[in-house]
Amino acid sequence: MLTYESKAGWITLGKDDRLKPMTGYWLYTTGPVTISLKVSGPPEEAKPLDTGWNLAGISGKTAKPAETALSGLSSWSYVVSYDPARQQYRDAGVKGGGSETLLMPGEGFWVYLNAPENLNPGT
């Protein structure tokens, strides 16, 4: 399992590492796998994002349009999500471009920021 931080690059996680809310993860398997997660509640802290590409996730249990989910970020310009069923990236969303990009709970996405900001839970 991998995650990405713009300053550190790709980070490999071990079996004892804790998953962080609103963080995107890449997981490769050769077949269907069930992963049980123990969730202690909704995220309470903002996720810091750096200038450049960030791997993140939304909070909550329902899909949100990218423009809504990222409304608390003033410097984002692009968002790209991945369709695990089709094994391909979905069409990119552009801020202010009337994008219909949906961000899904339980799926990470890439977001490009022009300045560092915090992604707040519930936005």
PDB file of N, CA and C in Angstrom:
ATOM      1  N   MET A   1       0.858  -1.160   0.000  1.00  0.00           N
ATOM      2  CA  MET A   1       0.000   0.000   0.000  1.00  0.00           C
ATOM      3  C   MET A   1       0.908   1.227   0.000  1.00  0.00           C
ATOM      4  N   LEU A   2       0.539   2.202  -0.806  1.00  0.00           N
ATOM      5  CA  LEU A   2       1.315   3.434  -0.944  1.00  0.00           C
ATOM      6  C   LEU A   2       0.427   4.645  -0.714  1.00  0.00           C
ATOM      7  N   THR A   3       1.046   5.713  -0.264  1.00  0.00           N
ATOM      8  CA  THR A   3       0.410   7.021  -0.267  1.00  0.00           C
ATOM      9  C   THR A   3       1.433   7.993  -0.841  1.00  0.00           C
ATOM     10  N   TYR A   4       1.017   9.216  -1.077  1.00  0.00           N
ATOM     11  CA  TYR A   4       1.905  10.197  -1.697  1.00  0.00           C
ATOM     12  C   TYR A   4       1.829  11.510  -0.942  1.00  0.00           C
ATOM     13  N   GLU A   5       2.998  12.074  -0.665  1.00  0.00           N
ATOM     14  CA  GLU A   5       3.095  13.420  -0.097  1.00  0.00           C
ATOM     15  C   GLU A   5       4.014  14.214  -1.006  1.00  0.00           C
ATOM     16  N   SER A   6       3.610  15.416  -1.363  1.00  0.00           N
ATOM     17  CA  SER A   6       4.355  16.162  -2.376  1.00  0.00           C
ATOM     18  C   SER A   6       5.809  16.411  -1.986  1.00  0.00           C
ATOM     19  N   LYS A   7       6.099  16.597  -0.712  1.00  0.00           N
ATOM     20  CA  LYS A   7       7.486  16.850  -0.299  1.00  0.00           C
ATOM     21  C   LYS A   7       8.300  15.568  -0.169  1.00  0.00           C
ATOM     22  N   ALA A   8       7.659  14.461   0.206  1.00  0.00           N
ATOM     23  CA  ALA A   8       8.367  13.200   0.442  1.00  0.00           C
ATOM     24  C   ALA A   8       8.270  12.233  -0.733  1.00  0.00           C
ATOM     25  N   GLY A   9       7.295  12.445  -1.621  1.00  0.00           N
ATOM     26  CA  GLY A   9       7.075  11.511  -2.718  1.00  0.00           C
ATOM     27  C   GLY A   9       6.253  10.316  -2.258  1.00  0.00           C
ATOM     28  N   TRP A  10       6.455   9.173  -2.919  1.00  0.00           N
ATOM     29  CA  TRP A  10       5.705   7.963  -2.587  1.00  0.00           C
ATOM     30  C   TRP A  10       6.197   7.386  -1.271  1.00  0.00           C
ATOM     31  N   ILE A  11       5.256   6.969  -0.427  1.00  0.00           N
ATOM     32  CA  ILE A  11       5.572   6.386   0.876  1.00  0.00           C
ATOM     33  C   ILE A  11       4.923   5.005   0.940  1.00  0.00           C
ATOM     34  N   THR A  12       5.731   3.990   1.229  1.00  0.00           N
ATOM     35  CA  THR A  12       5.218   2.630   1.390  1.00  0.00           C
ATOM     36  C   THR A  12       4.769   2.443   2.830  1.00  0.00           C
ATOM     37  N   LEU A  13       3.557   1.945   3.002  1.00  0.00           N
ATOM     38  CA  LEU A  13       3.029   1.710   4.342  1.00  0.00           C
ATOM     39  C   LEU A  13       3.201   0.250   4.729  1.00  0.00           C
ATOM     40  N   GLY A  14       3.438   0.047   6.014  1.00  0.00           N
ATOM     41  CA  GLY A  14       3.566  -1.301   6.551  1.00  0.00           C
ATOM     42  C   GLY A  14       2.288  -1.726   7.245  1.00  0.00           C
ATOM     43  N   LYS A  15       2.264  -2.964   7.700  1.00  0.00           N
ATOM     44  CA  LYS A  15       1.053  -3.512   8.313  1.00  0.00           C
ATOM     45  C   LYS A  15       0.663  -2.807   9.602  1.00  0.00           C
ATOM     46  N   ASP A  16       1.597  -2.146  10.265  1.00  0.00           N
ATOM     47  CA  ASP A  16       1.291  -1.471  11.526  1.00  0.00           C
ATOM     48  C   ASP A  16       1.018   0.021  11.366  1.00  0.00           C
ATOM     49  N   ASP A  17       1.138   0.541  10.147  1.00  0.00           N
ATOM     50  CA  ASP A  17       0.870   1.962   9.924  1.00  0.00           C
ATOM     51  C   ASP A  17      -0.629   2.233   9.991  1.00  0.00           C
ATOM     52  N   ARG A  18      -0.973   3.371  10.581  1.00  0.00           N
ATOM     53  CA  ARG A  18      -2.380   3.778  10.666  1.00  0.00           C
ATOM     54  C   ARG A  18      -2.749   4.574   9.421  1.00  0.00           C
ATOM     55  N   LEU A  19      -3.954   4.330   8.933  1.00  0.00           N
ATOM     56  CA  LEU A  19      -4.456   5.111   7.806  1.00  0.00           C
ATOM     57  C   LEU A  19      -5.005   6.426   8.334  1.00  0.00           C
ATOM     58  N   LYS A  20      -4.765   7.496   7.586  1.00  0.00           N
ATOM     59  CA  LYS A  20      -5.197   8.826   8.006  1.00  0.00           C
ATOM     60  C   LYS A  20      -6.448   9.242   7.237  1.00  0.00           C
ATOM     61  N   PRO A  21      -7.391   9.876   7.926  1.00  0.00           N
ATOM     62  CA  PRO A  21      -8.592  10.366   7.238  1.00  0.00           C
ATOM     63  C   PRO A  21      -8.232  11.364   6.135  1.00  0.00           C
ATOM     64  N   MET A  22      -9.017  11.382   5.094  1.00  0.00           N
ATOM     65  CA  MET A  22      -8.904  12.311   3.972  1.00  0.00           C
ATOM     66  C   MET A  22      -7.566  12.178   3.237  1.00  0.00           C
ATOM     67  N   THR A  23      -6.947  11.009   3.340  1.00  0.00           N
ATOM     68  CA  THR A  23      -5.701  10.714   2.647  1.00  0.00           C
ATOM     69  C   THR A  23      -5.977   9.630   1.617  1.00  0.00           C
ATOM     70  N   GLY A  24      -5.431   9.788   0.435  1.00  0.00           N
ATOM     71  CA  GLY A  24      -5.598   8.781  -0.602  1.00  0.00           C
ATOM     72  C   GLY A  24      -4.521   7.717  -0.504  1.00  0.00           C
ATOM     73  N   TYR A  25      -4.870   6.497  -0.866  1.00  0.00           N
ATOM     74  CA  TYR A  25      -3.942   5.371  -0.832  1.00  0.00           C
ATOM     75  C   TYR A  25      -4.057   4.580  -2.120  1.00  0.00           C
ATOM     76  N   TRP A  26      -2.936   4.019  -2.574  1.00  0.00           N
ATOM     77  CA  TRP A  26      -2.908   3.116  -3.721  1.00  0.00           C
ATOM     78  C   TRP A  26      -2.659   1.718  -3.187  1.00  0.00           C
ATOM     79  N   LEU A  27      -3.490   0.795  -3.625  1.00  0.00           N
ATOM     80  CA  LEU A  27      -3.377  -0.593  -3.203  1.00  0.00           C
ATOM     81  C   LEU A  27      -3.523  -1.462  -4.440  1.00  0.00           C
ATOM     82  N   TYR A  28      -2.575  -2.357  -4.647  1.00  0.00           N
ATOM     83  CA  TYR A  28      -2.649  -3.258  -5.798  1.00  0.00           C
ATOM     84  C   TYR A  28      -2.839  -4.685  -5.308  1.00  0.00           C
ATOM     85  N   THR A  29      -3.794  -5.376  -5.889  1.00  0.00           N
ATOM     86  CA  THR A  29      -3.996  -6.792  -5.606  1.00  0.00           C
ATOM     87  C   THR A  29      -4.168  -7.525  -6.930  1.00  0.00           C
ATOM     88  N   THR A  30      -3.928  -8.813  -6.916  1.00  0.00           N
ATOM     89  CA  THR A  30      -4.085  -9.599  -8.139  1.00  0.00           C
ATOM     90  C   THR A  30      -5.485 -10.180  -8.271  1.00  0.00           C
ATOM     91  N   GLY A  31      -6.333  -9.921  -7.281  1.00  0.00           N
ATOM     92  CA  GLY A  31      -7.712 -10.399  -7.308  1.00  0.00           C
ATOM     93  C   GLY A  31      -8.522  -9.666  -6.262  1.00  0.00           C
ATOM     94  N   PRO A  32      -9.812  -9.961  -6.177  1.00  0.00           N
ATOM     95  CA  PRO A  32     -10.665  -9.299  -5.184  1.00  0.00           C
ATOM     96  C   PRO A  32     -10.176  -9.566  -3.757  1.00  0.00           C
ATOM     97  N   VAL A  33     -10.197  -8.532  -2.947  1.00  0.00           N
ATOM     98  CA  VAL A  33      -9.767  -8.625  -1.552  1.00  0.00           C
ATOM     99  C   VAL A  33     -10.739  -7.822  -0.700  1.00  0.00           C
ATOM    100  N   THR A  34     -11.087  -8.352   0.448  1.00  0.00           N
ATOM    101  CA  THR A  34     -11.900  -7.609   1.405  1.00  0.00           C
ATOM    102  C   THR A  34     -10.979  -7.064   2.479  1.00  0.00           C
ATOM    103  N   ILE A  35     -11.065  -5.772   2.722  1.00  0.00           N
ATOM    104  CA  ILE A  35     -10.253  -5.135   3.754  1.00  0.00           C
ATOM    105  C   ILE A  35     -11.193  -4.548   4.789  1.00  0.00           C
ATOM    106  N   SER A  36     -11.053  -4.985   6.006  1.00  0.00           N
ATOM    107  CA  SER A  36     -11.882  -4.457   7.093  1.00  0.00           C
ATOM    108  C   SER A  36     -11.184  -3.258   7.708  1.00  0.00           C
ATOM    109  N   LEU A  37     -11.915  -2.173   7.831  1.00  0.00           N
ATOM    110  CA  LEU A  37     -11.372  -0.970   8.446  1.00  0.00           C
ATOM    111  C   LEU A  37     -12.130  -0.667   9.726  1.00  0.00           C
ATOM    112  N   LYS A  38     -11.408  -0.274  10.728  1.00  0.00           N
ATOM    113  CA  LYS A  38     -12.011   0.142  11.986  1.00  0.00           C
ATOM    114  C   LYS A  38     -11.947   1.668  12.016  1.00  0.00           C
ATOM    115  N   VAL A  39     -13.108   2.292  11.960  1.00  0.00           N
ATOM    116  CA  VAL A  39     -13.181   3.751  11.908  1.00  0.00           C
ATOM    117  C   VAL A  39     -13.682   4.256  13.248  1.00  0.00           C
ATOM    118  N   SER A  40     -12.967   5.234  13.795  1.00  0.00           N
ATOM    119  CA  SER A  40     -13.336   5.732  15.122  1.00  0.00           C
ATOM    120  C   SER A  40     -14.286   6.920  15.069  1.00  0.00           C
ATOM    121  N   GLY A  41     -14.599   7.409  13.912  1.00  0.00           N
ATOM    122  CA  GLY A  41     -15.506   8.547  13.788  1.00  0.00           C
ATOM    123  C   GLY A  41     -15.072   9.441  12.655  1.00  0.00           C
ATOM    124  N   PRO A  42     -15.824  10.498  12.406  1.00  0.00           N
ATOM    125  CA  PRO A  42     -15.463  11.392  11.303  1.00  0.00           C
ATOM    126  C   PRO A  42     -14.166  12.138  11.612  1.00  0.00           C
ATOM    127  N   PRO A  43     -13.424  12.522  10.566  1.00  0.00           N
ATOM    128  CA  PRO A  43     -12.192  13.277  10.795  1.00  0.00           C
ATOM    129  C   PRO A  43     -12.498  14.611  11.460  1.00  0.00           C
ATOM    130  N   GLU A  44     -11.640  14.981  12.383  1.00  0.00           N
ATOM    131  CA  GLU A  44     -11.835  16.234  13.109  1.00  0.00           C
ATOM    132  C   GLU A  44     -10.811  17.289  12.727  1.00  0.00           C
ATOM    133  N   GLU A  45      -9.703  16.857  12.133  1.00  0.00           N
ATOM    134  CA  GLU A  45      -8.632  17.788  11.795  1.00  0.00           C
ATOM    135  C   GLU A  45      -8.546  17.983  10.287  1.00  0.00           C
ATOM    136  N   ALA A  46      -8.077  19.153   9.902  1.00  0.00           N
ATOM    137  CA  ALA A  46      -7.869  19.449   8.489  1.00  0.00           C
ATOM    138  C   ALA A  46      -6.663  18.668   7.975  1.00  0.00           C
ATOM    139  N   LYS A  47      -6.672  18.365   6.690  1.00  0.00           N
ATOM    140  CA  LYS A  47      -5.534  17.707   6.053  1.00  0.00           C
ATOM    141  C   LYS A  47      -4.700  18.768   5.351  1.00  0.00           C
ATOM    142  N   PRO A  48      -3.427  18.929   5.751  1.00  0.00           N
ATOM    143  CA  PRO A  48      -2.573  19.907   5.077  1.00  0.00           C
ATOM    144  C   PRO A  48      -2.227  19.448   3.659  1.00  0.00           C
ATOM    145  N   LEU A  49      -2.333  20.356   2.713  1.00  0.00           N
ATOM    146  CA  LEU A  49      -1.982  20.088   1.321  1.00  0.00           C
ATOM    147  C   LEU A  49      -0.908  21.079   0.896  1.00  0.00           C
ATOM    148  N   ASP A  50       0.041  20.621   0.092  1.00  0.00           N
ATOM    149  CA  ASP A  50       1.144  21.466  -0.361  1.00  0.00           C
ATOM    150  C   ASP A  50       0.885  21.997  -1.763  1.00  0.00           C
ATOM    151  N   THR A  51       1.698  22.943  -2.178  1.00  0.00           N
ATOM    152  CA  THR A  51       1.677  23.408  -3.556  1.00  0.00           C
ATOM    153  C   THR A  51       2.040  22.229  -4.456  1.00  0.00           C
ATOM    154  N   GLY A  52       1.336  22.084  -5.556  1.00  0.00           N
ATOM    155  CA  GLY A  52       1.586  20.969  -6.471  1.00  0.00           C
ATOM    156  C   GLY A  52       0.525  19.894  -6.319  1.00  0.00           C
ATOM    157  N   TRP A  53       0.863  18.685  -6.754  1.00  0.00           N
ATOM    158  CA  TRP A  53      -0.092  17.575  -6.708  1.00  0.00           C
ATOM    159  C   TRP A  53      -0.145  16.949  -5.327  1.00  0.00           C
ATOM    160  N   ASN A  54      -1.363  16.669  -4.862  1.00  0.00           N
ATOM    161  CA  ASN A  54      -1.610  16.046  -3.564  1.00  0.00           C
ATOM    162  C   ASN A  54      -2.578  14.890  -3.754  1.00  0.00           C
ATOM    163  N   LEU A  55      -2.364  13.817  -3.000  1.00  0.00           N
ATOM    164  CA  LEU A  55      -3.270  12.670  -2.993  1.00  0.00           C
ATOM    165  C   LEU A  55      -4.139  12.795  -1.752  1.00  0.00           C
ATOM    166  N   ALA A  56      -5.439  12.931  -1.942  1.00  0.00           N
ATOM    167  CA  ALA A  56      -6.349  13.204  -0.823  1.00  0.00           C
ATOM    168  C   ALA A  56      -7.612  12.366  -0.966  1.00  0.00           C
ATOM    169  N   GLY A  57      -8.534  12.551  -0.043  1.00  0.00           N
ATOM    170  CA  GLY A  57      -9.827  11.886  -0.065  1.00  0.00           C
ATOM    171  C   GLY A  57     -10.854  12.775   0.611  1.00  0.00           C
ATOM    172  N   ILE A  58     -12.123  12.534   0.344  1.00  0.00           N
ATOM    173  CA  ILE A  58     -13.169  13.341   0.976  1.00  0.00           C
ATOM    174  C   ILE A  58     -13.645  12.662   2.254  1.00  0.00           C
ATOM    175  N   SER A  59     -14.236  13.449   3.118  1.00  0.00           N
ATOM    176  CA  SER A  59     -14.872  12.895   4.310  1.00  0.00           C
ATOM    177  C   SER A  59     -16.348  12.650   3.993  1.00  0.00           C
ATOM    178  N   GLY A  60     -17.008  11.902   4.837  1.00  0.00           N
ATOM    179  CA  GLY A  60     -18.433  11.649   4.639  1.00  0.00           C
ATOM    180  C   GLY A  60     -18.701  10.338   3.929  1.00  0.00           C
ATOM    181  N   LYS A  61     -19.982  10.095   3.689  1.00  0.00           N
ATOM    182  CA  LYS A  61     -20.406   8.819   3.106  1.00  0.00           C
ATOM    183  C   LYS A  61     -21.092   8.963   1.756  1.00  0.00           C
ATOM    184  N   THR A  62     -21.144  10.187   1.224  1.00  0.00           N
ATOM    185  CA  THR A  62     -21.811  10.394  -0.059  1.00  0.00           C
ATOM    186  C   THR A  62     -20.870  11.071  -1.049  1.00  0.00           C
ATOM    187  N   ALA A  63     -21.066  10.764  -2.329  1.00  0.00           N
ATOM    188  CA  ALA A  63     -20.280  11.394  -3.386  1.00  0.00           C
ATOM    189  C   ALA A  63     -20.581  12.889  -3.414  1.00  0.00           C
ATOM    190  N   LYS A  64     -19.564  13.668  -3.778  1.00  0.00           N
ATOM    191  CA  LYS A  64     -19.727  15.123  -3.860  1.00  0.00           C
ATOM    192  C   LYS A  64     -19.112  15.624  -5.156  1.00  0.00           C
ATOM    193  N   PRO A  65     -19.759  16.596  -5.804  1.00  0.00           N
ATOM    194  CA  PRO A  65     -19.108  17.229  -6.950  1.00  0.00           C
ATOM    195  C   PRO A  65     -17.790  17.865  -6.493  1.00  0.00           C
ATOM    196  N   ALA A  66     -16.772  17.798  -7.338  1.00  0.00           N
ATOM    197  CA  ALA A  66     -15.464  18.346  -6.973  1.00  0.00           C
ATOM    198  C   ALA A  66     -15.565  19.809  -6.554  1.00  0.00           C
ATOM    199  N   GLU A  67     -16.348  20.591  -7.279  1.00  0.00           N
ATOM    200  CA  GLU A  67     -16.487  22.021  -6.947  1.00  0.00           C
ATOM    201  C   GLU A  67     -17.023  22.207  -5.525  1.00  0.00           C
ATOM    202  N   THR A  68     -17.899  21.308  -5.070  1.00  0.00           N
ATOM    203  CA  THR A  68     -18.452  21.385  -3.715  1.00  0.00           C
ATOM    204  C   THR A  68     -17.448  20.876  -2.695  1.00  0.00           C
ATOM    205  N   ALA A  69     -16.879  19.704  -2.963  1.00  0.00           N
ATOM    206  CA  ALA A  69     -15.948  19.090  -2.016  1.00  0.00           C
ATOM    207  C   ALA A  69     -14.704  19.942  -1.792  1.00  0.00           C
ATOM    208  N   LEU A  70     -14.296  20.680  -2.807  1.00  0.00           N
ATOM    209  CA  LEU A  70     -13.078  21.487  -2.716  1.00  0.00           C
ATOM    210  C   LEU A  70     -13.372  22.971  -2.547  1.00  0.00           C
ATOM    211  N   SER A  71     -14.604  23.310  -2.206  1.00  0.00           N
ATOM    212  CA  SER A  71     -14.996  24.724  -2.106  1.00  0.00           C
ATOM    213  C   SER A  71     -14.219  25.482  -1.034  1.00  0.00           C
ATOM    214  N   GLY A  72     -13.673  24.792  -0.049  1.00  0.00           N
ATOM    215  CA  GLY A  72     -12.882  25.448   0.993  1.00  0.00           C
ATOM    216  C   GLY A  72     -11.452  25.741   0.571  1.00  0.00           C
ATOM    217  N   LEU A  73     -11.065  25.296  -0.618  1.00  0.00           N
ATOM    218  CA  LEU A  73      -9.714  25.536  -1.136  1.00  0.00           C
ATOM    219  C   LEU A  73      -9.775  26.610  -2.212  1.00  0.00           C
ATOM    220  N   SER A  74      -9.051  27.692  -2.018  1.00  0.00           N
ATOM    221  CA  SER A  74      -9.093  28.764  -3.022  1.00  0.00           C
ATOM    222  C   SER A  74      -8.078  28.565  -4.138  1.00  0.00           C
ATOM    223  N   SER A  75      -7.035  27.749  -3.904  1.00  0.00           N
ATOM    224  CA  SER A  75      -5.954  27.672  -4.893  1.00  0.00           C
ATOM    225  C   SER A  75      -5.920  26.383  -5.712  1.00  0.00           C
ATOM    226  N   TRP A  76      -6.966  25.554  -5.636  1.00  0.00           N
ATOM    227  CA  TRP A  76      -6.923  24.340  -6.459  1.00  0.00           C
ATOM    228  C   TRP A  76      -7.252  24.691  -7.898  1.00  0.00           C
ATOM    229  N   SER A  77      -6.656  23.943  -8.834  1.00  0.00           N
ATOM    230  CA  SER A  77      -6.963  24.199 -10.237  1.00  0.00           C
ATOM    231  C   SER A  77      -7.376  22.943 -10.998  1.00  0.00           C
ATOM    232  N   TYR A  78      -6.873  21.762 -10.614  1.00  0.00           N
ATOM    233  CA  TYR A  78      -7.235  20.514 -11.287  1.00  0.00           C
ATOM    234  C   TYR A  78      -7.510  19.425 -10.257  1.00  0.00           C
ATOM    235  N   VAL A  79      -8.414  18.514 -10.605  1.00  0.00           N
ATOM    236  CA  VAL A  79      -8.664  17.333  -9.775  1.00  0.00           C
ATOM    237  C   VAL A  79      -8.836  16.137 -10.710  1.00  0.00           C
ATOM    238  N   VAL A  80      -8.218  15.026 -10.327  1.00  0.00           N
ATOM    239  CA  VAL A  80      -8.281  13.806 -11.126  1.00  0.00           C
ATOM    240  C   VAL A  80      -8.553  12.636 -10.184  1.00  0.00           C
ATOM    241  N   SER A  81      -9.541  11.820 -10.536  1.00  0.00           N
ATOM    242  CA  SER A  81      -9.825  10.631  -9.731  1.00  0.00           C
ATOM    243  C   SER A  81      -9.634   9.381 -10.588  1.00  0.00           C
ATOM    244  N   TYR A  82      -9.608   8.240  -9.934  1.00  0.00           N
ATOM    245  CA  TYR A  82      -9.318   6.971 -10.592  1.00  0.00           C
ATOM    246  C   TYR A  82     -10.504   6.035 -10.449  1.00  0.00           C
ATOM    247  N   ASP A  83     -10.842   5.364 -11.519  1.00  0.00           N
ATOM    248  CA  ASP A  83     -11.938   4.397 -11.512  1.00  0.00           C
ATOM    249  C   ASP A  83     -11.343   3.000 -11.334  1.00  0.00           C
ATOM    250  N   PRO A  84     -11.445   2.428 -10.125  1.00  0.00           N
ATOM    251  CA  PRO A  84     -10.818   1.124  -9.890  1.00  0.00           C
ATOM    252  C   PRO A  84     -11.458  -0.009 -10.695  1.00  0.00           C
ATOM    253  N   ALA A  85     -12.727   0.090 -11.004  1.00  0.00           N
ATOM    254  CA  ALA A  85     -13.391  -0.966 -11.773  1.00  0.00           C
ATOM    255  C   ALA A  85     -12.880  -1.006 -13.213  1.00  0.00           C
ATOM    256  N   ARG A  86     -12.654   0.157 -13.789  1.00  0.00           N
ATOM    257  CA  ARG A  86     -12.183   0.239 -15.179  1.00  0.00           C
ATOM    258  C   ARG A  86     -10.659   0.308 -15.285  1.00  0.00           C
ATOM    259  N   GLN A  87      -9.997   0.476 -14.139  1.00  0.00           N
ATOM    260  CA  GLN A  87      -8.533   0.579 -14.107  1.00  0.00           C
ATOM    261  C   GLN A  87      -8.031   1.728 -14.980  1.00  0.00           C
ATOM    262  N   GLN A  88      -8.696   2.904 -14.839  1.00  0.00           N
ATOM    263  CA  GLN A  88      -8.273   4.072 -15.600  1.00  0.00           C
ATOM    264  C   GLN A  88      -8.673   5.346 -14.860  1.00  0.00           C
ATOM    265  N   TYR A  89      -7.975   6.416 -15.203  1.00  0.00           N
ATOM    266  CA  TYR A  89      -8.328   7.710 -14.621  1.00  0.00           C
ATOM    267  C   TYR A  89      -9.624   8.214 -15.236  1.00  0.00           C
ATOM    268  N   ARG A  90     -10.402   8.907 -14.433  1.00  0.00           N
ATOM    269  CA  ARG A  90     -11.610   9.568 -14.937  1.00  0.00           C
ATOM    270  C   ARG A  90     -11.194  10.900 -15.558  1.00  0.00           C
ATOM    271  N   ASP A  91     -12.112  11.538 -16.276  1.00  0.00           N
ATOM    272  CA  ASP A  91     -11.819  12.847 -16.860  1.00  0.00           C
ATOM    273  C   ASP A  91     -11.449  13.831 -15.762  1.00  0.00           C
ATOM    274  N   ALA A  92     -10.462  14.665 -16.036  1.00  0.00           N
ATOM    275  CA  ALA A  92     -10.011  15.658 -15.064  1.00  0.00           C
ATOM    276  C   ALA A  92     -11.047  16.758 -14.895  1.00  0.00           C
ATOM    277  N   GLY A  93     -11.135  17.284 -13.692  1.00  0.00           N
ATOM    278  CA  GLY A  93     -11.984  18.432 -13.417  1.00  0.00           C
ATOM    279  C   GLY A  93     -11.131  19.686 -13.326  1.00  0.00           C
ATOM    280  N   VAL A  94     -11.643  20.789 -13.825  1.00  0.00           N
ATOM    281  CA  VAL A  94     -10.938  22.065 -13.802  1.00  0.00           C
ATOM    282  C   VAL A  94     -11.770  23.042 -12.988  1.00  0.00           C
ATOM    283  N   LYS A  95     -11.137  23.722 -12.033  1.00  0.00           N
ATOM    284  CA  LYS A  95     -11.856  24.677 -11.191  1.00  0.00           C
ATOM    285  C   LYS A  95     -12.522  25.742 -12.053  1.00  0.00           C
ATOM    286  N   GLY A  96     -13.797  25.981 -11.790  1.00  0.00           N
ATOM    287  CA  GLY A  96     -14.537  27.001 -12.516  1.00  0.00           C
ATOM    288  C   GLY A  96     -14.942  26.585 -13.917  1.00  0.00           C
ATOM    289  N   GLY A  97     -14.640  25.349 -14.295  1.00  0.00           N
ATOM    290  CA  GLY A  97     -14.926  24.899 -15.651  1.00  0.00           C
ATOM    291  C   GLY A  97     -16.249  24.175 -15.800  1.00  0.00           C
ATOM    292  N   GLY A  98     -17.102  24.249 -14.771  1.00  0.00           N
ATOM    293  CA  GLY A  98     -18.387  23.568 -14.844  1.00  0.00           C
ATOM    294  C   GLY A  98     -18.239  22.055 -14.841  1.00  0.00           C
ATOM    295  N   SER A  99     -17.167  21.585 -14.222  1.00  0.00           N
ATOM    296  CA  SER A  99     -16.878  20.154 -14.197  1.00  0.00           C
ATOM    297  C   SER A  99     -17.962  19.370 -13.475  1.00  0.00           C
ATOM    298  N   GLU A 100     -18.256  18.200 -13.991  1.00  0.00           N
ATOM    299  CA  GLU A 100     -19.203  17.302 -13.336  1.00  0.00           C
ATOM    300  C   GLU A 100     -18.464  16.177 -12.615  1.00  0.00           C
ATOM    301  N   THR A 101     -17.170  16.368 -12.370  1.00  0.00           N
ATOM    302  CA  THR A 101     -16.365  15.366 -11.678  1.00  0.00           C
ATOM    303  C   THR A 101     -16.928  15.100 -10.294  1.00  0.00           C
ATOM    304  N   LEU A 102     -17.201  13.825 -10.005  1.00  0.00           N
ATOM    305  CA  LEU A 102     -17.672  13.434  -8.678  1.00  0.00           C
ATOM    306  C   LEU A 102     -16.524  12.821  -7.900  1.00  0.00           C
ATOM    307  N   LEU A 103     -16.394  13.229  -6.642  1.00  0.00           N
ATOM    308  CA  LEU A 103     -15.424  12.619  -5.744  1.00  0.00           C
ATOM    309  C   LEU A 103     -16.186  11.646  -4.862  1.00  0.00           C
ATOM    310  N   MET A 104     -15.678  10.432  -4.794  1.00  0.00           N
ATOM    311  CA  MET A 104     -16.388   9.344  -4.131  1.00  0.00           C
ATOM    312  C   MET A 104     -15.789   9.053  -2.758  1.00  0.00           C
ATOM    313  N   PRO A 105     -16.649   8.792  -1.763  1.00  0.00           N
ATOM    314  CA  PRO A 105     -16.127   8.377  -0.463  1.00  0.00           C
ATOM    315  C   PRO A 105     -15.418   7.030  -0.606  1.00  0.00           C
ATOM    316  N   GLY A 106     -14.305   6.894   0.068  1.00  0.00           N
ATOM    317  CA  GLY A 106     -13.547   5.647  -0.018  1.00  0.00           C
ATOM    318  C   GLY A 106     -12.610   5.580  -1.203  1.00  0.00           C
ATOM    319  N   GLU A 107     -12.585   6.609  -2.040  1.00  0.00           N
ATOM    320  CA  GLU A 107     -11.667   6.667  -3.172  1.00  0.00           C
ATOM    321  C   GLU A 107     -10.810   7.924  -3.056  1.00  0.00           C
ATOM    322  N   GLY A 108      -9.524   7.769  -3.292  1.00  0.00           N
ATOM    323  CA  GLY A 108      -8.638   8.921  -3.278  1.00  0.00           C
ATOM    324  C   GLY A 108      -8.726   9.689  -4.588  1.00  0.00           C
ATOM    325  N   PHE A 109      -8.159  10.875  -4.601  1.00  0.00           N
ATOM    326  CA  PHE A 109      -8.106  11.690  -5.817  1.00  0.00           C
ATOM    327  C   PHE A 109      -6.857  12.554  -5.768  1.00  0.00           C
ATOM    328  N   TRP A 110      -6.421  12.976  -6.934  1.00  0.00           N
ATOM    329  CA  TRP A 110      -5.303  13.908  -7.055  1.00  0.00           C
ATOM    330  C   TRP A 110      -5.870  15.313  -7.202  1.00  0.00           C
ATOM    331  N   VAL A 111      -5.301  16.251  -6.460  1.00  0.00           N
ATOM    332  CA  VAL A 111      -5.715  17.648  -6.588  1.00  0.00           C
ATOM    333  C   VAL A 111      -4.453  18.507  -6.697  1.00  0.00           C
ATOM    334  N   TYR A 112      -4.467  19.442  -7.652  1.00  0.00           N
ATOM    335  CA  TYR A 112      -3.325  20.337  -7.850  1.00  0.00           C
ATOM    336  C   TYR A 112      -3.631  21.680  -7.214  1.00  0.00           C
ATOM    337  N   LEU A 113      -2.725  22.132  -6.328  1.00  0.00           N
ATOM    338  CA  LEU A 113      -2.875  23.425  -5.659  1.00  0.00           C
ATOM    339  C   LEU A 113      -1.771  24.375  -6.097  1.00  0.00           C
ATOM    340  N   ASN A 114      -2.121  25.650  -6.229  1.00  0.00           N
ATOM    341  CA  ASN A 114      -1.149  26.687  -6.571  1.00  0.00           C
ATOM    342  C   ASN A 114      -0.500  27.294  -5.336  1.00  0.00           C
ATOM    343  N   ALA A 115      -1.002  26.954  -4.153  1.00  0.00           N
ATOM    344  CA  ALA A 115      -0.453  27.430  -2.876  1.00  0.00           C
ATOM    345  C   ALA A 115      -0.858  26.428  -1.797  1.00  0.00           C
ATOM    346  N   PRO A 116      -0.089  26.331  -0.707  1.00  0.00           N
ATOM    347  CA  PRO A 116      -0.459  25.402   0.366  1.00  0.00           C
ATOM    348  C   PRO A 116      -1.773  25.812   1.032  1.00  0.00           C
ATOM    349  N   GLU A 117      -2.592  24.819   1.364  1.00  0.00           N
ATOM    350  CA  GLU A 117      -3.867  25.061   2.053  1.00  0.00           C
ATOM    351  C   GLU A 117      -4.227  23.836   2.874  1.00  0.00           C
ATOM    352  N   ASN A 118      -5.296  23.939   3.642  1.00  0.00           N
ATOM    353  CA  ASN A 118      -5.819  22.820   4.412  1.00  0.00           C
ATOM    354  C   ASN A 118      -7.167  22.395   3.859  1.00  0.00           C
ATOM    355  N   LEU A 119      -7.333  21.080   3.677  1.00  0.00           N
ATOM    356  CA  LEU A 119      -8.618  20.513   3.274  1.00  0.00           C
ATOM    357  C   LEU A 119      -9.377  20.188   4.554  1.00  0.00           C
ATOM    358  N   ASN A 120     -10.474  20.883   4.770  1.00  0.00           N
ATOM    359  CA  ASN A 120     -11.236  20.716   6.003  1.00  0.00           C
ATOM    360  C   ASN A 120     -12.297  19.637   5.857  1.00  0.00           C
ATOM    361  N   PRO A 121     -12.518  18.861   6.936  1.00  0.00           N
ATOM    362  CA  PRO A 121     -13.575  17.845   6.885  1.00  0.00           C
ATOM    363  C   PRO A 121     -14.935  18.503   6.668  1.00  0.00           C
ATOM    364  N   GLY A 122     -15.776  17.830   5.933  1.00  0.00           N
ATOM    365  CA  GLY A 122     -17.143  18.316   5.758  1.00  0.00           C
ATOM    366  C   GLY A 122     -17.336  19.351   4.677  1.00  0.00           C
ATOM    367  N   THR A 123     -16.258  19.803   4.001  1.00  0.00           N
ATOM    368  CA  THR A 123     -16.451  20.791   2.927  1.00  0.00           C
ATOM    369  C   THR A 123     -16.698  20.102   1.622  1.00  0.00           C
TER     370      THR A 123
END
